[in-house]
Structure formats: structure tokens, C-alpha cells
């Protein structure tokens, strides 16, 4: 079962399908570092599996309806922080640049930064 936790704006039923159910969703971990993504909105939802395990996922939709998703809390927090800091700007239209690295403990992570070259 999937439960929406947060939305940056209202989404149409088609957009919700694309962001939560579509097999065409691209995992952000498969996106090359440095890739710029235009954010036209984000949706955070909890995805509960049949065995009871649940994951919190963020999906980002572009103006061309391309969707990227991630389970990473670091990535999710960064997207939300950027959206909130854009404040008076058009919060549902900004660019992020995907980054990744390895923690001191040796674990890989994904993150993003505001793509200031697109501003």
C-alpha cells in the first residue's frame, strides 16, 4: 500500500500514477553524477510491502513528465530544503544536480545540489 506523506503542489491522477506506480520511473542512483534535473514538483510517499516493511520514497517529476525517485533520506531532505529555500520563487520549477559519494563508513549515498548554472 502507498500513502502520500507530502506534496509540493497538487498533482493530477496521471501525475500521481507516473510518480508512484509507473514502471518507467528512473531510480536516482542510476542517474550519472552532475546530471541536471528540472523539478516541476515532488511527492513523498510511504510504500508498504506485503511483508510489512515500509520505505519512504521521494519522486520528482519534470515538465516533460519524466520521473526520478529515491529512498535516500539525504537526497529527500536536500530536495525539500531547496524547494523551501526557493521561497518566493516558483517553488515548483527549479533545477537540481545529482551528486553522490561514499560515507566515512564506506557506504555509498546519493544527494543533490541546486543547479545554480540554470538560474
PDB file of N, CA and C in Angstrom:
ATOM      1  N   UNK A   1       0.836  -1.168   0.000  1.00  0.00           N
ATOM      2  CA  UNK A   1       0.000   0.000   0.000  1.00  0.00           C
ATOM      3  C   UNK A   1       0.892   1.247   0.000  1.00  0.00           C
ATOM      4  N   UNK A   2       0.456   2.274  -0.700  1.00  0.00           N
ATOM      5  CA  UNK A   2       1.205   3.512  -0.784  1.00  0.00           C
ATOM      6  C   UNK A   2       0.382   4.653  -0.194  1.00  0.00           C
ATOM      7  N   UNK A   3       1.029   5.430   0.673  1.00  0.00           N
ATOM      8  CA  UNK A   3       0.364   6.533   1.338  1.00  0.00           C
ATOM      9  C   UNK A   3       1.160   7.812   1.104  1.00  0.00           C
ATOM     10  N   UNK A   4       0.505   8.826   0.544  1.00  0.00           N
ATOM     11  CA  UNK A   4       1.177  10.107   0.293  1.00  0.00           C
ATOM     12  C   UNK A   4       1.392  10.825   1.621  1.00  0.00           C
ATOM     13  N   UNK A   5       2.629  11.293   1.840  1.00  0.00           N
ATOM     14  CA  UNK A   5       3.000  11.999   3.063  1.00  0.00           C
ATOM     15  C   UNK A   5       3.113  13.501   2.843  1.00  0.00           C
ATOM     16  N   UNK A   6       3.586  13.905   1.653  1.00  0.00           N
ATOM     17  CA  UNK A   6       3.836  15.319   1.386  1.00  0.00           C
ATOM     18  C   UNK A   6       3.849  15.543  -0.124  1.00  0.00           C
ATOM     19  N   UNK A   7       3.333  16.700  -0.548  1.00  0.00           N
ATOM     20  CA  UNK A   7       3.357  17.065  -1.965  1.00  0.00           C
ATOM     21  C   UNK A   7       3.759  18.530  -2.076  1.00  0.00           C
ATOM     22  N   UNK A   8       4.542  18.845  -3.083  1.00  0.00           N
ATOM     23  CA  UNK A   8       4.956  20.229  -3.293  1.00  0.00           C
ATOM     24  C   UNK A   8       3.840  21.057  -3.918  1.00  0.00           C
ATOM     25  N   UNK A   9       2.887  20.367  -4.548  1.00  0.00           N
ATOM     26  CA  UNK A   9       1.736  21.006  -5.182  1.00  0.00           C
ATOM     27  C   UNK A   9       0.681  19.931  -5.407  1.00  0.00           C
ATOM     28  N   UNK A  10      -0.472  20.327  -5.902  1.00  0.00           N
ATOM     29  CA  UNK A  10      -1.498  19.344  -6.250  1.00  0.00           C
ATOM     30  C   UNK A  10      -1.106  18.663  -7.559  1.00  0.00           C
ATOM     31  N   UNK A  11      -1.265  17.353  -7.607  1.00  0.00           N
ATOM     32  CA  UNK A  11      -0.944  16.589  -8.807  1.00  0.00           C
ATOM     33  C   UNK A  11      -2.212  15.974  -9.382  1.00  0.00           C
ATOM     34  N   UNK A  12      -2.233  15.827 -10.696  1.00  0.00           N
ATOM     35  CA  UNK A  12      -3.351  15.154 -11.354  1.00  0.00           C
ATOM     36  C   UNK A  12      -3.249  13.656 -11.077  1.00  0.00           C
ATOM     37  N   UNK A  13      -4.323  12.909 -11.282  1.00  0.00           N
ATOM     38  CA  UNK A  13      -4.241  11.454 -11.119  1.00  0.00           C
ATOM     39  C   UNK A  13      -3.170  10.829 -12.028  1.00  0.00           C
ATOM     40  N   UNK A  14      -3.010  11.344 -13.227  1.00  0.00           N
ATOM     41  CA  UNK A  14      -1.983  10.820 -14.145  1.00  0.00           C
ATOM     42  C   UNK A  14      -0.597  11.066 -13.564  1.00  0.00           C
ATOM     43  N   UNK A  15      -0.354  12.272 -13.053  1.00  0.00           N
ATOM     44  CA  UNK A  15       0.950  12.570 -12.454  1.00  0.00           C
ATOM     45  C   UNK A  15       1.210  11.678 -11.237  1.00  0.00           C
ATOM     46  N   UNK A  16       0.186  11.443 -10.424  1.00  0.00           N
ATOM     47  CA  UNK A  16       0.360  10.560  -9.262  1.00  0.00           C
ATOM     48  C   UNK A  16       0.723   9.143  -9.711  1.00  0.00           C
ATOM     49  N   UNK A  17       0.071   8.659 -10.753  1.00  0.00           N
ATOM     50  CA  UNK A  17       0.414   7.337 -11.288  1.00  0.00           C
ATOM     51  C   UNK A  17       1.874   7.321 -11.730  1.00  0.00           C
ATOM     52  N   UNK A  18       2.260   8.329 -12.511  1.00  0.00           N
ATOM     53  CA  UNK A  18       3.630   8.389 -13.023  1.00  0.00           C
ATOM     54  C   UNK A  18       4.657   8.430 -11.890  1.00  0.00           C
ATOM     55  N   UNK A  19       4.302   9.074 -10.785  1.00  0.00           N
ATOM     56  CA  UNK A  19       5.236   9.261  -9.683  1.00  0.00           C
ATOM     57  C   UNK A  19       5.238   8.117  -8.665  1.00  0.00           C
ATOM     58  N   UNK A  20       4.178   7.305  -8.658  1.00  0.00           N
ATOM     59  CA  UNK A  20       4.080   6.268  -7.632  1.00  0.00           C
ATOM     60  C   UNK A  20       4.006   4.841  -8.174  1.00  0.00           C
ATOM     61  N   UNK A  21       3.500   4.656  -9.373  1.00  0.00           N
ATOM     62  CA  UNK A  21       3.215   3.305  -9.858  1.00  0.00           C
ATOM     63  C   UNK A  21       3.924   2.918 -11.151  1.00  0.00           C
ATOM     64  N   UNK A  22       4.244   3.880 -11.979  1.00  0.00           N
ATOM     65  CA  UNK A  22       4.756   3.593 -13.317  1.00  0.00           C
ATOM     66  C   UNK A  22       6.071   2.812 -13.284  1.00  0.00           C
ATOM     67  N   UNK A  23       6.195   1.793 -14.124  1.00  0.00           N
ATOM     68  CA  UNK A  23       7.474   1.078 -14.220  1.00  0.00           C
ATOM     69  C   UNK A  23       8.546   1.900 -14.942  1.00  0.00           C
ATOM     70  N   UNK A  24       8.177   3.055 -15.489  1.00  0.00           N
ATOM     71  CA  UNK A  24       9.135   3.905 -16.210  1.00  0.00           C
ATOM     72  C   UNK A  24       9.890   4.856 -15.280  1.00  0.00           C
ATOM     73  N   UNK A  25       9.632   4.802 -13.977  1.00  0.00           N
ATOM     74  CA  UNK A  25      10.338   5.659 -13.016  1.00  0.00           C
ATOM     75  C   UNK A  25      11.826   5.307 -13.038  1.00  0.00           C
ATOM     76  N   UNK A  26      12.673   6.335 -13.063  1.00  0.00           N
ATOM     77  CA  UNK A  26      14.124   6.148 -13.033  1.00  0.00           C
ATOM     78  C   UNK A  26      14.629   6.332 -11.608  1.00  0.00           C
ATOM     79  N   UNK A  27      15.368   5.360 -11.113  1.00  0.00           N
ATOM     80  CA  UNK A  27      15.965   5.478  -9.785  1.00  0.00           C
ATOM     81  C   UNK A  27      17.089   6.502  -9.853  1.00  0.00           C
ATOM     82  N   UNK A  28      17.107   7.429  -8.910  1.00  0.00           N
ATOM     83  CA  UNK A  28      18.115   8.487  -8.919  1.00  0.00           C
ATOM     84  C   UNK A  28      19.530   7.917  -8.789  1.00  0.00           C
ATOM     85  N   UNK A  29      19.669   6.752  -8.163  1.00  0.00           N
ATOM     86  CA  UNK A  29      21.005   6.158  -8.025  1.00  0.00           C
ATOM     87  C   UNK A  29      21.571   5.727  -9.378  1.00  0.00           C
ATOM     88  N   UNK A  30      20.696   5.546 -10.387  1.00  0.00           N
ATOM     89  CA  UNK A  30      21.145   5.158 -11.724  1.00  0.00           C
ATOM     90  C   UNK A  30      21.447   6.357 -12.624  1.00  0.00           C
ATOM     91  N   UNK A  31      21.255   7.562 -12.101  1.00  0.00           N
ATOM     92  CA  UNK A  31      21.497   8.785 -12.865  1.00  0.00           C
ATOM     93  C   UNK A  31      22.953   9.191 -12.660  1.00  0.00           C
ATOM     94  N   UNK A  32      23.672   9.515 -13.732  1.00  0.00           N
ATOM     95  CA  UNK A  32      25.075   9.926 -13.578  1.00  0.00           C
ATOM     96  C   UNK A  32      25.223  11.207 -12.749  1.00  0.00           C
ATOM     97  N   UNK A  33      26.273  11.261 -11.945  1.00  0.00           N
ATOM     98  CA  UNK A  33      26.564  12.475 -11.178  1.00  0.00           C
ATOM     99  C   UNK A  33      26.696  13.655 -12.133  1.00  0.00           C
ATOM    100  N   UNK A  34      26.222  14.811 -11.678  1.00  0.00           N
ATOM    101  CA  UNK A  34      26.308  16.018 -12.489  1.00  0.00           C
ATOM    102  C   UNK A  34      25.114  16.236 -13.400  1.00  0.00           C
ATOM    103  N   UNK A  35      24.219  15.251 -13.485  1.00  0.00           N
ATOM    104  CA  UNK A  35      23.029  15.392 -14.329  1.00  0.00           C
ATOM    105  C   UNK A  35      22.106  16.437 -13.721  1.00  0.00           C
ATOM    106  N   UNK A  36      21.661  17.376 -14.552  1.00  0.00           N
ATOM    107  CA  UNK A  36      20.739  18.414 -14.117  1.00  0.00           C
ATOM    108  C   UNK A  36      19.310  17.952 -14.381  1.00  0.00           C
ATOM    109  N   UNK A  37      18.450  18.126 -13.386  1.00  0.00           N
ATOM    110  CA  UNK A  37      17.054  17.702 -13.478  1.00  0.00           C
ATOM    111  C   UNK A  37      16.171  18.898 -13.143  1.00  0.00           C
ATOM    112  N   UNK A  38      15.241  19.221 -14.038  1.00  0.00           N
ATOM    113  CA  UNK A  38      14.296  20.298 -13.770  1.00  0.00           C
ATOM    114  C   UNK A  38      13.153  19.743 -12.928  1.00  0.00           C
ATOM    115  N   UNK A  39      12.979  20.309 -11.755  1.00  0.00           N
ATOM    116  CA  UNK A  39      11.949  19.836 -10.824  1.00  0.00           C
ATOM    117  C   UNK A  39      10.674  20.649 -11.045  1.00  0.00           C
ATOM    118  N   UNK A  40       9.620  19.961 -11.446  1.00  0.00           N
ATOM    119  CA  UNK A  40       8.318  20.587 -11.622  1.00  0.00           C
ATOM    120  C   UNK A  40       7.386  20.215 -10.470  1.00  0.00           C
ATOM    121  N   UNK A  41       7.889  19.447  -9.532  1.00  0.00           N
ATOM    122  CA  UNK A  41       7.135  19.054  -8.356  1.00  0.00           C
ATOM    123  C   UNK A  41       7.717  17.796  -7.751  1.00  0.00           C
ATOM    124  N   UNK A  42       7.442  17.594  -6.467  1.00  0.00           N
ATOM    125  CA  UNK A  42       7.879  16.367  -5.803  1.00  0.00           C
ATOM    126  C   UNK A  42       6.755  15.844  -4.931  1.00  0.00           C
ATOM    127  N   UNK A  43       6.830  14.564  -4.679  1.00  0.00           N
ATOM    128  CA  UNK A  43       5.840  13.868  -3.869  1.00  0.00           C
ATOM    129  C   UNK A  43       6.597  12.893  -2.974  1.00  0.00           C
ATOM    130  N   UNK A  44       6.282  12.883  -1.693  1.00  0.00           N
ATOM    131  CA  UNK A  44       6.885  11.941  -0.743  1.00  0.00           C
ATOM    132  C   UNK A  44       5.786  10.971  -0.322  1.00  0.00           C
ATOM    133  N   UNK A  45       6.088   9.686  -0.433  1.00  0.00           N
ATOM    134  CA  UNK A  45       5.093   8.691  -0.042  1.00  0.00           C
ATOM    135  C   UNK A  45       5.747   7.517   0.662  1.00  0.00           C
ATOM    136  N   UNK A  46       4.928   6.815   1.442  1.00  0.00           N
ATOM    137  CA  UNK A  46       5.387   5.606   2.122  1.00  0.00           C
ATOM    138  C   UNK A  46       4.900   4.414   1.322  1.00  0.00           C
ATOM    139  N   UNK A  47       5.813   3.522   1.014  1.00  0.00           N
ATOM    140  CA  UNK A  47       5.499   2.325   0.243  1.00  0.00           C
ATOM    141  C   UNK A  47       5.637   1.125   1.174  1.00  0.00           C
ATOM    142  N   UNK A  48       4.492   0.542   1.543  1.00  0.00           N
ATOM    143  CA  UNK A  48       4.493  -0.613   2.441  1.00  0.00           C
ATOM    144  C   UNK A  48       4.354  -1.887   1.630  1.00  0.00           C
ATOM    145  N   UNK A  49       5.282  -2.787   1.830  1.00  0.00           N
ATOM    146  CA  UNK A  49       5.274  -4.076   1.138  1.00  0.00           C
ATOM    147  C   UNK A  49       4.353  -5.062   1.852  1.00  0.00           C
ATOM    148  N   UNK A  50       4.095  -6.173   1.207  1.00  0.00           N
ATOM    149  CA  UNK A  50       3.214  -7.199   1.770  1.00  0.00           C
ATOM    150  C   UNK A  50       3.734  -7.756   3.096  1.00  0.00           C
ATOM    151  N   UNK A  51       5.067  -7.753   3.269  1.00  0.00           N
ATOM    152  CA  UNK A  51       5.646  -8.297   4.500  1.00  0.00           C
ATOM    153  C   UNK A  51       5.646  -7.284   5.646  1.00  0.00           C
ATOM    154  N   UNK A  52       5.113  -6.076   5.403  1.00  0.00           N
ATOM    155  CA  UNK A  52       5.028  -5.057   6.444  1.00  0.00           C
ATOM    156  C   UNK A  52       6.146  -4.055   6.441  1.00  0.00           C
ATOM    157  N   UNK A  53       7.234  -4.346   5.706  1.00  0.00           N
ATOM    158  CA  UNK A  53       8.327  -3.385   5.605  1.00  0.00           C
ATOM    159  C   UNK A  53       7.866  -2.160   4.831  1.00  0.00           C
ATOM    160  N   UNK A  54       8.271  -0.989   5.293  1.00  0.00           N
ATOM    161  CA  UNK A  54       7.874   0.249   4.625  1.00  0.00           C
ATOM    162  C   UNK A  54       9.090   1.100   4.304  1.00  0.00           C
ATOM    163  N   UNK A  55       9.045   1.772   3.171  1.00  0.00           N
ATOM    164  CA  UNK A  55      10.097   2.686   2.741  1.00  0.00           C
ATOM    165  C   UNK A  55       9.472   4.033   2.441  1.00  0.00           C
ATOM    166  N   UNK A  56      10.191   5.092   2.788  1.00  0.00           N
ATOM    167  CA  UNK A  56       9.751   6.433   2.419  1.00  0.00           C
ATOM    168  C   UNK A  56      10.484   6.815   1.144  1.00  0.00           C
ATOM    169  N   UNK A  57       9.729   7.215   0.138  1.00  0.00           N
ATOM    170  CA  UNK A  57      10.268   7.481  -1.190  1.00  0.00           C
ATOM    171  C   UNK A  57       9.894   8.891  -1.622  1.00  0.00           C
ATOM    172  N   UNK A  58      10.826   9.555  -2.289  1.00  0.00           N
ATOM    173  CA  UNK A  58      10.520  10.830  -2.923  1.00  0.00           C
ATOM    174  C   UNK A  58      10.556  10.624  -4.426  1.00  0.00           C
ATOM    175  N   UNK A  59       9.556  11.143  -5.104  1.00  0.00           N
ATOM    176  CA  UNK A  59       9.522  11.137  -6.564  1.00  0.00           C
ATOM    177  C   UNK A  59       9.505  12.571  -7.044  1.00  0.00           C
ATOM    178  N   UNK A  60      10.280  12.829  -8.074  1.00  0.00           N
ATOM    179  CA  UNK A  60      10.376  14.153  -8.689  1.00  0.00           C
ATOM    180  C   UNK A  60       9.856  14.030 -10.108  1.00  0.00           C
ATOM    181  N   UNK A  61       9.009  14.979 -10.509  1.00  0.00           N
ATOM    182  CA  UNK A  61       8.504  14.983 -11.880  1.00  0.00           C
ATOM    183  C   UNK A  61       9.028  16.222 -12.593  1.00  0.00           C
ATOM    184  N   UNK A  62       9.402  16.053 -13.854  1.00  0.00           N
ATOM    185  CA  UNK A  62       9.892  17.156 -14.677  1.00  0.00           C
ATOM    186  C   UNK A  62       8.738  17.716 -15.510  1.00  0.00           C
ATOM    187  N   UNK A  63       8.935  18.862 -16.158  1.00  0.00           N
ATOM    188  CA  UNK A  63       7.886  19.407 -17.014  1.00  0.00           C
ATOM    189  C   UNK A  63       7.493  18.479 -18.165  1.00  0.00           C
ATOM    190  N   UNK A  64       8.409  17.584 -18.554  1.00  0.00           N
ATOM    191  CA  UNK A  64       8.107  16.636 -19.635  1.00  0.00           C
ATOM    192  C   UNK A  64       7.597  15.299 -19.105  1.00  0.00           C
ATOM    193  N   UNK A  65       7.240  15.278 -17.825  1.00  0.00           N
ATOM    194  CA  UNK A  65       6.672  14.105 -17.138  1.00  0.00           C
ATOM    195  C   UNK A  65       7.653  12.947 -16.976  1.00  0.00           C
ATOM    196  N   UNK A  66       8.934  13.237 -16.999  1.00  0.00           N
ATOM    197  CA  UNK A  66       9.937  12.234 -16.652  1.00  0.00           C
ATOM    198  C   UNK A  66       9.989  12.194 -15.122  1.00  0.00           C
ATOM    199  N   UNK A  67      10.106  10.996 -14.552  1.00  0.00           N
ATOM    200  CA  UNK A  67      10.059  10.864 -13.096  1.00  0.00           C
ATOM    201  C   UNK A  67      11.317  10.167 -12.581  1.00  0.00           C
ATOM    202  N   UNK A  68      11.848  10.720 -11.488  1.00  0.00           N
ATOM    203  CA  UNK A  68      13.005  10.155 -10.795  1.00  0.00           C
ATOM    204  C   UNK A  68      12.597   9.922  -9.350  1.00  0.00           C
ATOM    205  N   UNK A  69      13.064   8.822  -8.767  1.00  0.00           N
ATOM    206  CA  UNK A  69      12.712   8.551  -7.376  1.00  0.00           C
ATOM    207  C   UNK A  69      13.923   8.085  -6.586  1.00  0.00           C
ATOM    208  N   UNK A  70      13.822   8.222  -5.259  1.00  0.00           N
ATOM    209  CA  UNK A  70      14.916   7.808  -4.375  1.00  0.00           C
ATOM    210  C   UNK A  70      14.360   7.446  -3.007  1.00  0.00           C
ATOM    211  N   UNK A  71      15.014   6.494  -2.360  1.00  0.00           N
ATOM    212  CA  UNK A  71      14.710   6.152  -0.972  1.00  0.00           C
ATOM    213  C   UNK A  71      15.628   6.903  -0.020  1.00  0.00           C
ATOM    214  N   UNK A  72      16.664   7.507  -0.545  1.00  0.00           N
ATOM    215  CA  UNK A  72      17.679   8.176   0.266  1.00  0.00           C
ATOM    216  C   UNK A  72      17.103   9.347   1.059  1.00  0.00           C
ATOM    217  N   UNK A  73      17.259   9.297   2.377  1.00  0.00           N
ATOM    218  CA  UNK A  73      16.816  10.399   3.228  1.00  0.00           C
ATOM    219  C   UNK A  73      17.641  11.643   2.932  1.00  0.00           C
ATOM    220  N   UNK A  74      18.917  11.483   2.689  1.00  0.00           N
ATOM    221  CA  UNK A  74      19.784  12.619   2.373  1.00  0.00           C
ATOM    222  C   UNK A  74      19.287  13.336   1.122  1.00  0.00           C
ATOM    223  N   UNK A  75      19.008  12.574   0.067  1.00  0.00           N
ATOM    224  CA  UNK A  75      18.505  13.164  -1.179  1.00  0.00           C
ATOM    225  C   UNK A  75      17.149  13.829  -0.940  1.00  0.00           C
ATOM    226  N   UNK A  76      16.255  13.139  -0.256  1.00  0.00           N
ATOM    227  CA  UNK A  76      14.915  13.663   0.012  1.00  0.00           C
ATOM    228  C   UNK A  76      14.995  14.982   0.785  1.00  0.00           C
ATOM    229  N   UNK A  77      15.796  15.003   1.849  1.00  0.00           N
ATOM    230  CA  UNK A  77      15.943  16.218   2.652  1.00  0.00           C
ATOM    231  C   UNK A  77      16.510  17.370   1.826  1.00  0.00           C
ATOM    232  N   UNK A  78      17.462  17.078   0.954  1.00  0.00           N
ATOM    233  CA  UNK A  78      18.064  18.124   0.123  1.00  0.00           C
ATOM    234  C   UNK A  78      17.049  18.723  -0.844  1.00  0.00           C
ATOM    235  N   UNK A  79      16.258  17.880  -1.498  1.00  0.00           N
ATOM    236  CA  UNK A  79      15.234  18.373  -2.431  1.00  0.00           C
ATOM    237  C   UNK A  79      14.240  19.265  -1.696  1.00  0.00           C
ATOM    238  N   UNK A  80      13.769  18.813  -0.548  1.00  0.00           N
ATOM    239  CA  UNK A  80      12.780  19.580   0.220  1.00  0.00           C
ATOM    240  C   UNK A  80      13.387  20.885   0.722  1.00  0.00           C
ATOM    241  N   UNK A  81      14.633  20.843   1.209  1.00  0.00           N
ATOM    242  CA  UNK A  81      15.310  22.063   1.660  1.00  0.00           C
ATOM    243  C   UNK A  81      15.436  23.073   0.527  1.00  0.00           C
ATOM    244  N   UNK A  82      15.835  22.616  -0.650  1.00  0.00           N
ATOM    245  CA  UNK A  82      15.979  23.510  -1.794  1.00  0.00           C
ATOM    246  C   UNK A  82      14.628  24.127  -2.142  1.00  0.00           C
ATOM    247  N   UNK A  83      13.588  23.310  -2.191  1.00  0.00           N
ATOM    248  CA  UNK A  83      12.252  23.811  -2.522  1.00  0.00           C
ATOM    249  C   UNK A  83      11.805  24.864  -1.509  1.00  0.00           C
ATOM    250  N   UNK A  84      12.035  24.604  -0.237  1.00  0.00           N
ATOM    251  CA  UNK A  84      11.629  25.557   0.795  1.00  0.00           C
ATOM    252  C   UNK A  84      12.437  26.843   0.717  1.00  0.00           C
ATOM    253  N   UNK A  85      13.733  26.735   0.434  1.00  0.00           N
ATOM    254  CA  UNK A  85      14.581  27.922   0.355  1.00  0.00           C
ATOM    255  C   UNK A  85      14.303  28.772  -0.878  1.00  0.00           C
ATOM    256  N   UNK A  86      13.721  28.164  -1.899  1.00  0.00           N
ATOM    257  CA  UNK A  86      13.368  28.941  -3.084  1.00  0.00           C
ATOM    258  C   UNK A  86      12.256  29.930  -2.735  1.00  0.00           C
ATOM    259  N   UNK A  87      11.521  29.650  -1.663  1.00  0.00           N
ATOM    260  CA  UNK A  87      10.539  30.559  -1.092  1.00  0.00           C
ATOM    261  C   UNK A  87       9.653  31.278  -2.082  1.00  0.00           C
ATOM    262  N   UNK A  88       9.915  32.566  -2.290  1.00  0.00           N
ATOM    263  CA  UNK A  88       9.076  33.396  -3.148  1.00  0.00           C
ATOM    264  C   UNK A  88       9.258  33.095  -4.623  1.00  0.00           C
ATOM    265  N   UNK A  89      10.273  32.352  -4.951  1.00  0.00           N
ATOM    266  CA  UNK A  89      10.475  31.970  -6.349  1.00  0.00           C
ATOM    267  C   UNK A  89       9.409  30.945  -6.718  1.00  0.00           C
ATOM    268  N   UNK A  90       9.415  30.519  -7.976  1.00  0.00           N
ATOM    269  CA  UNK A  90       8.469  29.492  -8.415  1.00  0.00           C
ATOM    270  C   UNK A  90       8.949  28.159  -7.858  1.00  0.00           C
ATOM    271  N   UNK A  91       8.451  27.788  -6.686  1.00  0.00           N
ATOM    272  CA  UNK A  91       8.943  26.624  -5.937  1.00  0.00           C
ATOM    273  C   UNK A  91       8.813  25.332  -6.728  1.00  0.00           C
ATOM    274  N   UNK A  92       7.869  25.267  -7.637  1.00  0.00           N
ATOM    275  CA  UNK A  92       7.687  24.011  -8.354  1.00  0.00           C
ATOM    276  C   UNK A  92       8.523  23.953  -9.631  1.00  0.00           C
ATOM    277  N   UNK A  93       9.403  24.939  -9.872  1.00  0.00           N
ATOM    278  CA  UNK A  93      10.253  24.918 -11.065  1.00  0.00           C
ATOM    279  C   UNK A  93      11.665  25.372 -10.705  1.00  0.00           C
ATOM    280  N   UNK A  94      12.534  24.429 -10.466  1.00  0.00           N
ATOM    281  CA  UNK A  94      13.944  24.720 -10.238  1.00  0.00           C
ATOM    282  C   UNK A  94      14.748  23.525 -10.710  1.00  0.00           C
ATOM    283  N   UNK A  95      16.052  23.673 -10.784  1.00  0.00           N
ATOM    284  CA  UNK A  95      16.927  22.606 -11.252  1.00  0.00           C
ATOM    285  C   UNK A  95      17.801  22.106 -10.109  1.00  0.00           C
ATOM    286  N   UNK A  96      17.960  20.791 -10.050  1.00  0.00           N
ATOM    287  CA  UNK A  96      18.908  20.181  -9.124  1.00  0.00           C
ATOM    288  C   UNK A  96      19.961  19.435  -9.935  1.00  0.00           C
ATOM    289  N   UNK A  97      21.102  19.233  -9.300  1.00  0.00           N
ATOM    290  CA  UNK A  97      22.173  18.461  -9.919  1.00  0.00           C
ATOM    291  C   UNK A  97      22.446  17.271  -9.008  1.00  0.00           C
ATOM    292  N   UNK A  98      22.385  16.065  -9.574  1.00  0.00           N
ATOM    293  CA  UNK A  98      22.581  14.849  -8.780  1.00  0.00           C
ATOM    294  C   UNK A  98      24.060  14.699  -8.418  1.00  0.00           C
ATOM    295  N   UNK A  99      24.303  14.362  -7.153  1.00  0.00           N
ATOM    296  CA  UNK A  99      25.655  14.081  -6.673  1.00  0.00           C
ATOM    297  C   UNK A  99      25.624  12.759  -5.907  1.00  0.00           C
ATOM    298  N   UNK A 100      26.776  12.204  -5.667  1.00  0.00           N
ATOM    299  CA  UNK A 100      26.865  11.004  -4.837  1.00  0.00           C
ATOM    300  C   UNK A 100      28.264  10.909  -4.259  1.00  0.00           C
ATOM    301  N   UNK A 101      28.432   9.977  -3.359  1.00  0.00           N
ATOM    302  CA  UNK A 101      29.730   9.797  -2.737  1.00  0.00           C
ATOM    303  C   UNK A 101      29.720   8.583  -1.835  1.00  0.00           C
ATOM    304  N   UNK A 102      30.720   8.529  -0.967  1.00  0.00           N
ATOM    305  CA  UNK A 102      30.852   7.429  -0.016  1.00  0.00           C
ATOM    306  C   UNK A 102      31.042   8.024   1.370  1.00  0.00           C
ATOM    307  N   UNK A 103      30.309   7.499   2.337  1.00  0.00           N
ATOM    308  CA  UNK A 103      30.436   7.987   3.709  1.00  0.00           C
ATOM    309  C   UNK A 103      31.780   7.546   4.289  1.00  0.00           C
ATOM    310  N   UNK A 104      32.133   8.116   5.445  1.00  0.00           N
ATOM    311  CA  UNK A 104      33.354   7.705   6.133  1.00  0.00           C
ATOM    312  C   UNK A 104      33.322   6.232   6.495  1.00  0.00           C
ATOM    313  N   UNK A 105      32.099   5.711   6.659  1.00  0.00           N
ATOM    314  CA  UNK A 105      31.935   4.295   6.990  1.00  0.00           C
ATOM    315  C   UNK A 105      32.002   3.409   5.743  1.00  0.00           C
ATOM    316  N   UNK A 106      32.180   4.039   4.562  1.00  0.00           N
ATOM    317  CA  UNK A 106      32.324   3.263   3.343  1.00  0.00           C
ATOM    318  C   UNK A 106      31.024   2.946   2.618  1.00  0.00           C
ATOM    319  N   UNK A 107      29.926   3.569   3.046  1.00  0.00           N
ATOM    320  CA  UNK A 107      28.639   3.295   2.398  1.00  0.00           C
ATOM    321  C   UNK A 107      28.344   4.355   1.325  1.00  0.00           C
ATOM    322  N   UNK A 108      27.834   3.928   0.187  1.00  0.00           N
ATOM    323  CA  UNK A 108      27.506   4.896  -0.864  1.00  0.00           C
ATOM    324  C   UNK A 108      26.238   5.681  -0.508  1.00  0.00           C
ATOM    325  N   UNK A 109      26.175   6.922  -0.991  1.00  0.00           N
ATOM    326  CA  UNK A 109      24.974   7.730  -0.787  1.00  0.00           C
ATOM    327  C   UNK A 109      24.722   8.582  -2.027  1.00  0.00           C
ATOM    328  N   UNK A 110      23.470   9.034  -2.178  1.00  0.00           N
ATOM    329  CA  UNK A 110      23.115   9.972  -3.245  1.00  0.00           C
ATOM    330  C   UNK A 110      22.615  11.258  -2.606  1.00  0.00           C
ATOM    331  N   UNK A 111      22.825  12.359  -3.310  1.00  0.00           N
ATOM    332  CA  UNK A 111      22.403  13.654  -2.820  1.00  0.00           C
ATOM    333  C   UNK A 111      22.159  14.542  -4.023  1.00  0.00           C
ATOM    334  N   UNK A 112      21.828  15.803  -3.784  1.00  0.00           N
ATOM    335  CA  UNK A 112      21.679  16.752  -4.879  1.00  0.00           C
ATOM    336  C   UNK A 112      21.993  18.148  -4.365  1.00  0.00           C
ATOM    337  N   UNK A 113      22.278  19.034  -5.307  1.00  0.00           N
ATOM    338  CA  UNK A 113      22.510  20.445  -5.008  1.00  0.00           C
ATOM    339  C   UNK A 113      21.678  21.264  -5.974  1.00  0.00           C
ATOM    340  N   UNK A 114      21.420  22.512  -5.606  1.00  0.00           N
ATOM    341  CA  UNK A 114      20.725  23.422  -6.507  1.00  0.00           C
ATOM    342  C   UNK A 114      21.643  23.681  -7.690  1.00  0.00           C
ATOM    343  N   UNK A 115      21.121  23.534  -8.895  1.00  0.00           N
ATOM    344  CA  UNK A 115      21.915  23.768 -10.106  1.00  0.00           C
ATOM    345  C   UNK A 115      21.862  25.267 -10.421  1.00  0.00           C
ATOM    346  N   UNK A 116      22.811  26.010  -9.846  1.00  0.00           N
ATOM    347  CA  UNK A 116      22.815  27.464  -9.990  1.00  0.00           C
ATOM    348  C   UNK A 116      23.165  27.903 -11.406  1.00  0.00           C
ATOM    349  N   UNK A 117      23.756  27.022 -12.197  1.00  0.00           N
ATOM    350  CA  UNK A 117      24.070  27.366 -13.589  1.00  0.00           C
ATOM    351  C   UNK A 117      22.787  27.539 -14.414  1.00  0.00           C
ATOM    352  N   UNK A 118      21.675  26.989 -13.940  1.00  0.00           N
ATOM    353  CA  UNK A 118      20.411  27.064 -14.665  1.00  0.00           C
ATOM    354  C   UNK A 118      19.552  28.245 -14.214  1.00  0.00           C
ATOM    355  N   UNK A 119      20.033  28.992 -13.207  1.00  0.00           N
ATOM    356  CA  UNK A 119      19.260  30.130 -12.691  1.00  0.00           C
ATOM    357  C   UNK A 119      19.584  31.397 -13.449  1.00  0.00           C
TER     358      UNK A 119
END
